[in-house]
Amino acid sequence: EGLLIHFGHQEYPNWEIILTHLREVIKTI
């Protein structure tokens, strides 16, 4: 029911990009 981050695919290919995205998501939530 929460946000699914699809690791290893186009939008989220690696941990560096995921961490950048998570900072924004965590801040917003």
PDB file of all heavy atoms in Angstrom:
ATOM      1  N   GLU A   1       0.796  -1.222   0.000  1.00  0.00           N
ATOM      2  CA  GLU A   1       0.000   0.000   0.000  1.00  0.00           C
ATOM      3  C   GLU A   1       0.835   1.282   0.000  1.00  0.00           C
ATOM      4  O   GLU A   1       0.308   2.356  -0.262  1.00  0.00           O
ATOM      5  CB  GLU A   1      -0.970  -0.006   1.180  1.00  0.00           C
ATOM      6  CG  GLU A   1      -2.022  -1.087   1.031  1.00  0.00           C
ATOM      7  CD  GLU A   1      -2.957  -1.169   2.222  1.00  0.00           C
ATOM      8  OE1 GLU A   1      -2.828  -0.366   3.172  1.00  0.00           O
ATOM      9  OE2 GLU A   1      -3.825  -2.061   2.201  1.00  0.00           O
ATOM     10  N   GLY A   2       2.122   1.184   0.294  1.00  0.00           N
ATOM     11  CA  GLY A   2       2.988   2.358   0.288  1.00  0.00           C
ATOM     12  C   GLY A   2       3.615   2.563  -1.079  1.00  0.00           C
ATOM     13  O   GLY A   2       3.156   2.029  -2.095  1.00  0.00           O
ATOM     14  N   LEU A   3       4.695   3.325  -1.114  1.00  0.00           N
ATOM     15  CA  LEU A   3       5.432   3.615  -2.344  1.00  0.00           C
ATOM     16  C   LEU A   3       6.371   2.460  -2.663  1.00  0.00           C
ATOM     17  O   LEU A   3       7.175   2.055  -1.816  1.00  0.00           O
ATOM     18  CB  LEU A   3       6.243   4.901  -2.160  1.00  0.00           C
ATOM     19  CG  LEU A   3       7.228   5.263  -3.267  1.00  0.00           C
ATOM     20  CD1 LEU A   3       6.499   5.595  -4.565  1.00  0.00           C
ATOM     21  CD2 LEU A   3       8.109   6.423  -2.828  1.00  0.00           C
ATOM     22  N   LEU A   4       6.271   1.917  -3.876  1.00  0.00           N
ATOM     23  CA  LEU A   4       7.193   0.875  -4.337  1.00  0.00           C
ATOM     24  C   LEU A   4       8.277   1.527  -5.172  1.00  0.00           C
ATOM     25  O   LEU A   4       7.979   2.171  -6.187  1.00  0.00           O
ATOM     26  CB  LEU A   4       6.460  -0.190  -5.166  1.00  0.00           C
ATOM     27  CG  LEU A   4       7.347  -1.253  -5.826  1.00  0.00           C
ATOM     28  CD1 LEU A   4       8.077  -2.098  -4.789  1.00  0.00           C
ATOM     29  CD2 LEU A   4       6.517  -2.134  -6.741  1.00  0.00           C
ATOM     30  N   ILE A   5       9.519   1.392  -4.740  1.00  0.00           N
ATOM     31  CA  ILE A   5      10.669   1.863  -5.515  1.00  0.00           C
ATOM     32  C   ILE A   5      11.271   0.638  -6.177  1.00  0.00           C
ATOM     33  O   ILE A   5      11.756  -0.278  -5.506  1.00  0.00           O
ATOM     34  CB  ILE A   5      11.686   2.586  -4.614  1.00  0.00           C
ATOM     35  CG1 ILE A   5      11.048   3.862  -4.057  1.00  0.00           C
ATOM     36  CG2 ILE A   5      12.963   2.881  -5.377  1.00  0.00           C
ATOM     37  CD1 ILE A   5      11.930   4.640  -3.108  1.00  0.00           C
ATOM     38  N   HIS A   6      11.216   0.643  -7.510  1.00  0.00           N
ATOM     39  CA  HIS A   6      11.619  -0.523  -8.308  1.00  0.00           C
ATOM     40  C   HIS A   6      13.127  -0.459  -8.568  1.00  0.00           C
ATOM     41  O   HIS A   6      13.580   0.090  -9.570  1.00  0.00           O
ATOM     42  CB  HIS A   6      10.821  -0.521  -9.607  1.00  0.00           C
ATOM     43  CG  HIS A   6      10.791  -1.838 -10.284  1.00  0.00           C
ATOM     44  ND1 HIS A   6      10.034  -2.064 -11.382  1.00  0.00           N
ATOM     45  CD2 HIS A   6      11.413  -3.013 -10.026  1.00  0.00           C
ATOM     46  CE1 HIS A   6      10.198  -3.305 -11.788  1.00  0.00           C
ATOM     47  NE2 HIS A   6      11.026  -3.890 -10.972  1.00  0.00           N
ATOM     48  N   PHE A   7      13.889  -1.066  -7.677  1.00  0.00           N
ATOM     49  CA  PHE A   7      15.354  -1.031  -7.722  1.00  0.00           C
ATOM     50  C   PHE A   7      15.895  -1.674  -8.999  1.00  0.00           C
ATOM     51  O   PHE A   7      15.420  -2.718  -9.431  1.00  0.00           O
ATOM     52  CB  PHE A   7      15.931  -1.767  -6.508  1.00  0.00           C
ATOM     53  CG  PHE A   7      17.430  -1.732  -6.462  1.00  0.00           C
ATOM     54  CD1 PHE A   7      18.085  -0.672  -5.874  1.00  0.00           C
ATOM     55  CD2 PHE A   7      18.179  -2.752  -7.016  1.00  0.00           C
ATOM     56  CE1 PHE A   7      19.469  -0.625  -5.831  1.00  0.00           C
ATOM     57  CE2 PHE A   7      19.561  -2.726  -6.991  1.00  0.00           C
ATOM     58  CZ  PHE A   7      20.218  -1.654  -6.390  1.00  0.00           C
ATOM     59  N   GLY A   8      16.902  -1.035  -9.579  1.00  0.00           N
ATOM     60  CA  GLY A   8      17.598  -1.606 -10.725  1.00  0.00           C
ATOM     61  C   GLY A   8      16.956  -1.333 -12.063  1.00  0.00           C
ATOM     62  O   GLY A   8      17.452  -1.773 -13.095  1.00  0.00           O
ATOM     63  N   HIS A   9      15.867  -0.612 -12.068  1.00  0.00           N
ATOM     64  CA  HIS A   9      15.196  -0.299 -13.325  1.00  0.00           C
ATOM     65  C   HIS A   9      15.409   1.159 -13.678  1.00  0.00           C
ATOM     66  O   HIS A   9      16.017   1.912 -12.918  1.00  0.00           O
ATOM     67  CB  HIS A   9      13.715  -0.700 -13.241  1.00  0.00           C
ATOM     68  CG  HIS A   9      13.561  -2.184 -13.188  1.00  0.00           C
ATOM     69  ND1 HIS A   9      13.398  -2.960 -14.309  1.00  0.00           N
ATOM     70  CD2 HIS A   9      13.622  -3.056 -12.152  1.00  0.00           C
ATOM     71  CE1 HIS A   9      13.343  -4.232 -13.956  1.00  0.00           C
ATOM     72  NE2 HIS A   9      13.477  -4.314 -12.658  1.00  0.00           N
ATOM     73  N   GLN A  10      14.935   1.567 -14.844  1.00  0.00           N
ATOM     74  CA  GLN A  10      15.218   2.881 -15.421  1.00  0.00           C
ATOM     75  C   GLN A  10      15.258   4.023 -14.420  1.00  0.00           C
ATOM     76  O   GLN A  10      16.239   4.741 -14.324  1.00  0.00           O
ATOM     77  CB  GLN A  10      14.174   3.233 -16.480  1.00  0.00           C
ATOM     78  CG  GLN A  10      14.481   2.699 -17.850  1.00  0.00           C
ATOM     79  CD  GLN A  10      13.445   3.169 -18.838  1.00  0.00           C
ATOM     80  OE1 GLN A  10      12.279   3.310 -18.524  1.00  0.00           O
ATOM     81  NE2 GLN A  10      13.884   3.411 -20.057  1.00  0.00           N
ATOM     82  N   GLU A  11      14.185   4.197 -13.689  1.00  0.00           N
ATOM     83  CA  GLU A  11      14.080   5.351 -12.799  1.00  0.00           C
ATOM     84  C   GLU A  11      14.991   5.236 -11.573  1.00  0.00           C
ATOM     85  O   GLU A  11      15.455   6.232 -11.033  1.00  0.00           O
ATOM     86  CB  GLU A  11      12.627   5.516 -12.359  1.00  0.00           C
ATOM     87  CG  GLU A  11      12.336   6.873 -11.775  1.00  0.00           C
ATOM     88  CD  GLU A  11      10.859   7.071 -11.521  1.00  0.00           C
ATOM     89  OE1 GLU A  11      10.035   6.216 -11.926  1.00  0.00           O
ATOM     90  OE2 GLU A  11      10.522   8.078 -10.906  1.00  0.00           O
ATOM     91  N   TYR A  12      15.250   4.016 -11.132  1.00  0.00           N
ATOM     92  CA  TYR A  12      16.045   3.777  -9.922  1.00  0.00           C
ATOM     93  C   TYR A  12      17.128   2.723 -10.176  1.00  0.00           C
ATOM     94  O   TYR A  12      17.070   1.620  -9.632  1.00  0.00           O
ATOM     95  CB  TYR A  12      15.137   3.320  -8.770  1.00  0.00           C
ATOM     96  CG  TYR A  12      13.991   4.256  -8.509  1.00  0.00           C
ATOM     97  CD1 TYR A  12      12.691   3.908  -8.865  1.00  0.00           C
ATOM     98  CD2 TYR A  12      14.210   5.495  -7.928  1.00  0.00           C
ATOM     99  CE1 TYR A  12      11.638   4.771  -8.631  1.00  0.00           C
ATOM    100  CE2 TYR A  12      13.167   6.370  -7.696  1.00  0.00           C
ATOM    101  CZ  TYR A  12      11.880   6.004  -8.050  1.00  0.00           C
ATOM    102  OH  TYR A  12      10.839   6.859  -7.830  1.00  0.00           O
ATOM    103  N   PRO A  13      18.140   3.050 -10.975  1.00  0.00           N
ATOM    104  CA  PRO A  13      19.123   2.038 -11.365  1.00  0.00           C
ATOM    105  C   PRO A  13      20.141   1.664 -10.290  1.00  0.00           C
ATOM    106  O   PRO A  13      20.764   0.616 -10.373  1.00  0.00           O
ATOM    107  CB  PRO A  13      19.825   2.681 -12.554  1.00  0.00           C
ATOM    108  CG  PRO A  13      19.689   4.156 -12.310  1.00  0.00           C
ATOM    109  CD  PRO A  13      18.365   4.329 -11.637  1.00  0.00           C
ATOM    110  N   ASN A  14      20.313   2.514  -9.268  1.00  0.00           N
ATOM    111  CA  ASN A  14      21.343   2.232  -8.269  1.00  0.00           C
ATOM    112  C   ASN A  14      21.019   2.920  -6.944  1.00  0.00           C
ATOM    113  O   ASN A  14      20.088   3.706  -6.848  1.00  0.00           O
ATOM    114  CB  ASN A  14      22.718   2.669  -8.783  1.00  0.00           C
ATOM    115  CG  ASN A  14      22.743   4.144  -9.146  1.00  0.00           C
ATOM    116  OD1 ASN A  14      22.282   5.006  -8.404  1.00  0.00           O
ATOM    117  ND2 ASN A  14      23.291   4.446 -10.312  1.00  0.00           N
ATOM    118  N   TRP A  15      21.819   2.620  -5.943  1.00  0.00           N
ATOM    119  CA  TRP A  15      21.569   3.151  -4.608  1.00  0.00           C
ATOM    120  C   TRP A  15      21.774   4.659  -4.512  1.00  0.00           C
ATOM    121  O   TRP A  15      21.094   5.331  -3.742  1.00  0.00           O
ATOM    122  CB  TRP A  15      22.430   2.415  -3.580  1.00  0.00           C
ATOM    123  CG  TRP A  15      21.737   1.184  -3.127  1.00  0.00           C
ATOM    124  CD1 TRP A  15      22.052  -0.112  -3.431  1.00  0.00           C
ATOM    125  CD2 TRP A  15      20.573   1.122  -2.301  1.00  0.00           C
ATOM    126  NE1 TRP A  15      21.151  -0.967  -2.858  1.00  0.00           N
ATOM    127  CE2 TRP A  15      20.233  -0.230  -2.147  1.00  0.00           C
ATOM    128  CE3 TRP A  15      19.768   2.079  -1.682  1.00  0.00           C
ATOM    129  CZ2 TRP A  15      19.140  -0.653  -1.397  1.00  0.00           C
ATOM    130  CZ3 TRP A  15      18.679   1.666  -0.932  1.00  0.00           C
ATOM    131  CH2 TRP A  15      18.379   0.319  -0.793  1.00  0.00           C
ATOM    132  N   GLU A  16      22.701   5.190  -5.272  1.00  0.00           N
ATOM    133  CA  GLU A  16      22.940   6.633  -5.231  1.00  0.00           C
ATOM    134  C   GLU A  16      21.678   7.406  -5.631  1.00  0.00           C
ATOM    135  O   GLU A  16      21.254   8.340  -4.944  1.00  0.00           O
ATOM    136  CB  GLU A  16      24.104   7.001  -6.160  1.00  0.00           C
ATOM    137  CG  GLU A  16      24.460   8.470  -6.132  1.00  0.00           C
ATOM    138  CD  GLU A  16      25.613   8.794  -7.053  1.00  0.00           C
ATOM    139  OE1 GLU A  16      26.299   7.881  -7.553  1.00  0.00           O
ATOM    140  OE2 GLU A  16      25.827   9.991  -7.289  1.00  0.00           O
ATOM    141  N   ILE A  17      21.052   6.995  -6.703  1.00  0.00           N
ATOM    142  CA  ILE A  17      19.831   7.663  -7.175  1.00  0.00           C
ATOM    143  C   ILE A  17      18.677   7.416  -6.202  1.00  0.00           C
ATOM    144  O   ILE A  17      17.881   8.319  -5.917  1.00  0.00           O
ATOM    145  CB  ILE A  17      19.500   7.216  -8.611  1.00  0.00           C
ATOM    146  CG1 ILE A  17      20.531   7.836  -9.563  1.00  0.00           C
ATOM    147  CG2 ILE A  17      18.075   7.600  -9.010  1.00  0.00           C
ATOM    148  CD1 ILE A  17      20.472   7.360 -10.972  1.00  0.00           C
ATOM    149  N   ILE A  18      18.598   6.217  -5.665  1.00  0.00           N
ATOM    150  CA  ILE A  18      17.526   5.923  -4.703  1.00  0.00           C
ATOM    151  C   ILE A  18      17.664   6.802  -3.462  1.00  0.00           C
ATOM    152  O   ILE A  18      16.679   7.376  -2.985  1.00  0.00           O
ATOM    153  CB  ILE A  18      17.511   4.429  -4.336  1.00  0.00           C
ATOM    154  CG1 ILE A  18      16.930   3.634  -5.504  1.00  0.00           C
ATOM    155  CG2 ILE A  18      16.702   4.181  -3.061  1.00  0.00           C
ATOM    156  CD1 ILE A  18      16.944   2.153  -5.330  1.00  0.00           C
ATOM    157  N   LEU A  19      18.871   6.951  -2.947  1.00  0.00           N
ATOM    158  CA  LEU A  19      19.061   7.792  -1.757  1.00  0.00           C
ATOM    159  C   LEU A  19      18.679   9.241  -2.032  1.00  0.00           C
ATOM    160  O   LEU A  19      18.064   9.897  -1.186  1.00  0.00           O
ATOM    161  CB  LEU A  19      20.495   7.695  -1.255  1.00  0.00           C
ATOM    162  CG  LEU A  19      20.838   6.439  -0.485  1.00  0.00           C
ATOM    163  CD1 LEU A  19      22.321   6.422  -0.130  1.00  0.00           C
ATOM    164  CD2 LEU A  19      19.998   6.303   0.769  1.00  0.00           C
ATOM    165  N   THR A  20      19.037   9.746  -3.198  1.00  0.00           N
ATOM    166  CA  THR A  20      18.658  11.106  -3.572  1.00  0.00           C
ATOM    167  C   THR A  20      17.144  11.238  -3.592  1.00  0.00           C
ATOM    168  O   THR A  20      16.584  12.192  -3.039  1.00  0.00           O
ATOM    169  CB  THR A  20      19.247  11.469  -4.951  1.00  0.00           C
ATOM    170  OG1 THR A  20      20.673  11.374  -4.870  1.00  0.00           O
ATOM    171  CG2 THR A  20      18.849  12.868  -5.384  1.00  0.00           C
ATOM    172  N   HIS A  21      16.477  10.276  -4.205  1.00  0.00           N
ATOM    173  CA  HIS A  21      15.016  10.293  -4.276  1.00  0.00           C
ATOM    174  C   HIS A  21      14.398  10.152  -2.876  1.00  0.00           C
ATOM    175  O   HIS A  21      13.434  10.848  -2.542  1.00  0.00           O
ATOM    176  CB  HIS A  21      14.520   9.178  -5.197  1.00  0.00           C
ATOM    177  CG  HIS A  21      13.038   9.110  -5.314  1.00  0.00           C
ATOM    178  ND1 HIS A  21      12.304  10.062  -5.971  1.00  0.00           N
ATOM    179  CD2 HIS A  21      12.149   8.209  -4.826  1.00  0.00           C
ATOM    180  CE1 HIS A  21      11.020   9.759  -5.885  1.00  0.00           C
ATOM    181  NE2 HIS A  21      10.898   8.633  -5.192  1.00  0.00           N
ATOM    182  N   LEU A  22      14.953   9.279  -2.066  1.00  0.00           N
ATOM    183  CA  LEU A  22      14.415   9.055  -0.727  1.00  0.00           C
ATOM    184  C   LEU A  22      14.500  10.298   0.147  1.00  0.00           C
ATOM    185  O   LEU A  22      13.610  10.549   0.958  1.00  0.00           O
ATOM    186  CB  LEU A  22      15.123   7.891  -0.042  1.00  0.00           C
ATOM    187  CG  LEU A  22      14.666   6.506  -0.430  1.00  0.00           C
ATOM    188  CD1 LEU A  22      15.497   5.451   0.292  1.00  0.00           C
ATOM    189  CD2 LEU A  22      13.194   6.293  -0.132  1.00  0.00           C
ATOM    190  N   ARG A  23      15.561  11.077  -0.002  1.00  0.00           N
ATOM    191  CA  ARG A  23      15.668  12.319   0.780  1.00  0.00           C
ATOM    192  C   ARG A  23      14.460  13.208   0.530  1.00  0.00           C
ATOM    193  O   ARG A  23      13.889  13.759   1.468  1.00  0.00           O
ATOM    194  CB  ARG A  23      16.960  13.051   0.435  1.00  0.00           C
ATOM    195  CG  ARG A  23      18.181  12.430   1.046  1.00  0.00           C
ATOM    196  CD  ARG A  23      19.444  13.250   0.783  1.00  0.00           C
ATOM    197  NE  ARG A  23      20.584  12.392   0.935  1.00  0.00           N
ATOM    198  CZ  ARG A  23      21.280  11.863  -0.062  1.00  0.00           C
ATOM    199  NH1 ARG A  23      20.974  12.122  -1.304  1.00  0.00           N
ATOM    200  NH2 ARG A  23      22.294  11.078   0.181  1.00  0.00           N
ATOM    201  N   GLU A  24      14.057  13.318  -0.730  1.00  0.00           N
ATOM    202  CA  GLU A  24      12.895  14.141  -1.080  1.00  0.00           C
ATOM    203  C   GLU A  24      11.596  13.515  -0.576  1.00  0.00           C
ATOM    204  O   GLU A  24      10.738  14.204  -0.042  1.00  0.00           O
ATOM    205  CB  GLU A  24      12.831  14.360  -2.595  1.00  0.00           C
ATOM    206  CG  GLU A  24      13.959  15.209  -3.134  1.00  0.00           C
ATOM    207  CD  GLU A  24      14.009  16.593  -2.484  1.00  0.00           C
ATOM    208  OE1 GLU A  24      12.942  17.237  -2.349  1.00  0.00           O
ATOM    209  OE2 GLU A  24      15.112  17.013  -2.099  1.00  0.00           O
ATOM    210  N   VAL A  25      11.450  12.225  -0.761  1.00  0.00           N
ATOM    211  CA  VAL A  25      10.237  11.527  -0.323  1.00  0.00           C
ATOM    212  C   VAL A  25      10.089  11.622   1.189  1.00  0.00           C
ATOM    213  O   VAL A  25       9.002  11.925   1.702  1.00  0.00           O
ATOM    214  CB  VAL A  25      10.251  10.049  -0.779  1.00  0.00           C
ATOM    215  CG1 VAL A  25       9.149   9.246  -0.119  1.00  0.00           C
ATOM    216  CG2 VAL A  25      10.144   9.963  -2.297  1.00  0.00           C
ATOM    217  N   ILE A  26      11.165  11.374   1.910  1.00  0.00           N
ATOM    218  CA  ILE A  26      11.123  11.425   3.373  1.00  0.00           C
ATOM    219  C   ILE A  26      10.768  12.835   3.839  1.00  0.00           C
ATOM    220  O   ILE A  26       9.939  13.014   4.736  1.00  0.00           O
ATOM    221  CB  ILE A  26      12.464  10.942   3.972  1.00  0.00           C
ATOM    222  CG1 ILE A  26      12.611   9.438   3.738  1.00  0.00           C
ATOM    223  CG2 ILE A  26      12.563  11.285   5.459  1.00  0.00           C
ATOM    224  CD1 ILE A  26      14.001   8.894   4.012  1.00  0.00           C
ATOM    225  N   LYS A  27      11.363  13.812   3.214  1.00  0.00           N
ATOM    226  CA  LYS A  27      11.067  15.207   3.562  1.00  0.00           C
ATOM    227  C   LYS A  27       9.579  15.515   3.319  1.00  0.00           C
ATOM    228  O   LYS A  27       8.908  16.080   4.181  1.00  0.00           O
ATOM    229  CB  LYS A  27      11.945  16.144   2.736  1.00  0.00           C
ATOM    230  CG  LYS A  27      11.742  17.590   3.036  1.00  0.00           C
ATOM    231  CD  LYS A  27      12.649  18.455   2.175  1.00  0.00           C
ATOM    232  CE  LYS A  27      12.306  19.921   2.344  1.00  0.00           C
ATOM    233  NZ  LYS A  27      13.018  20.760   1.413  1.00  0.00           N
ATOM    234  N   THR A  28       9.065  15.121   2.177  1.00  0.00           N
ATOM    235  CA  THR A  28       7.666  15.388   1.824  1.00  0.00           C
ATOM    236  C   THR A  28       6.707  14.671   2.782  1.00  0.00           C
ATOM    237  O   THR A  28       5.765  15.283   3.284  1.00  0.00           O
ATOM    238  CB  THR A  28       7.380  14.946   0.370  1.00  0.00           C
ATOM    239  OG1 THR A  28       8.271  15.662  -0.494  1.00  0.00           O
ATOM    240  CG2 THR A  28       5.956  15.221  -0.020  1.00  0.00           C
ATOM    241  N   ILE A  29       6.951  13.398   3.024  1.00  0.00           N
ATOM    242  CA  ILE A  29       6.072  12.627   3.914  1.00  0.00           C
ATOM    243  C   ILE A  29       6.123  13.195   5.330  1.00  0.00           C
ATOM    244  O   ILE A  29       5.099  13.324   5.997  1.00  0.00           O
ATOM    245  CB  ILE A  29       6.415  11.123   3.886  1.00  0.00           C
ATOM    246  CG1 ILE A  29       6.055  10.529   2.514  1.00  0.00           C
ATOM    247  CG2 ILE A  29       5.677  10.377   4.983  1.00  0.00           C
ATOM    248  CD1 ILE A  29       6.493   9.093   2.327  1.00  0.00           C
TER     249      ILE A  29
END
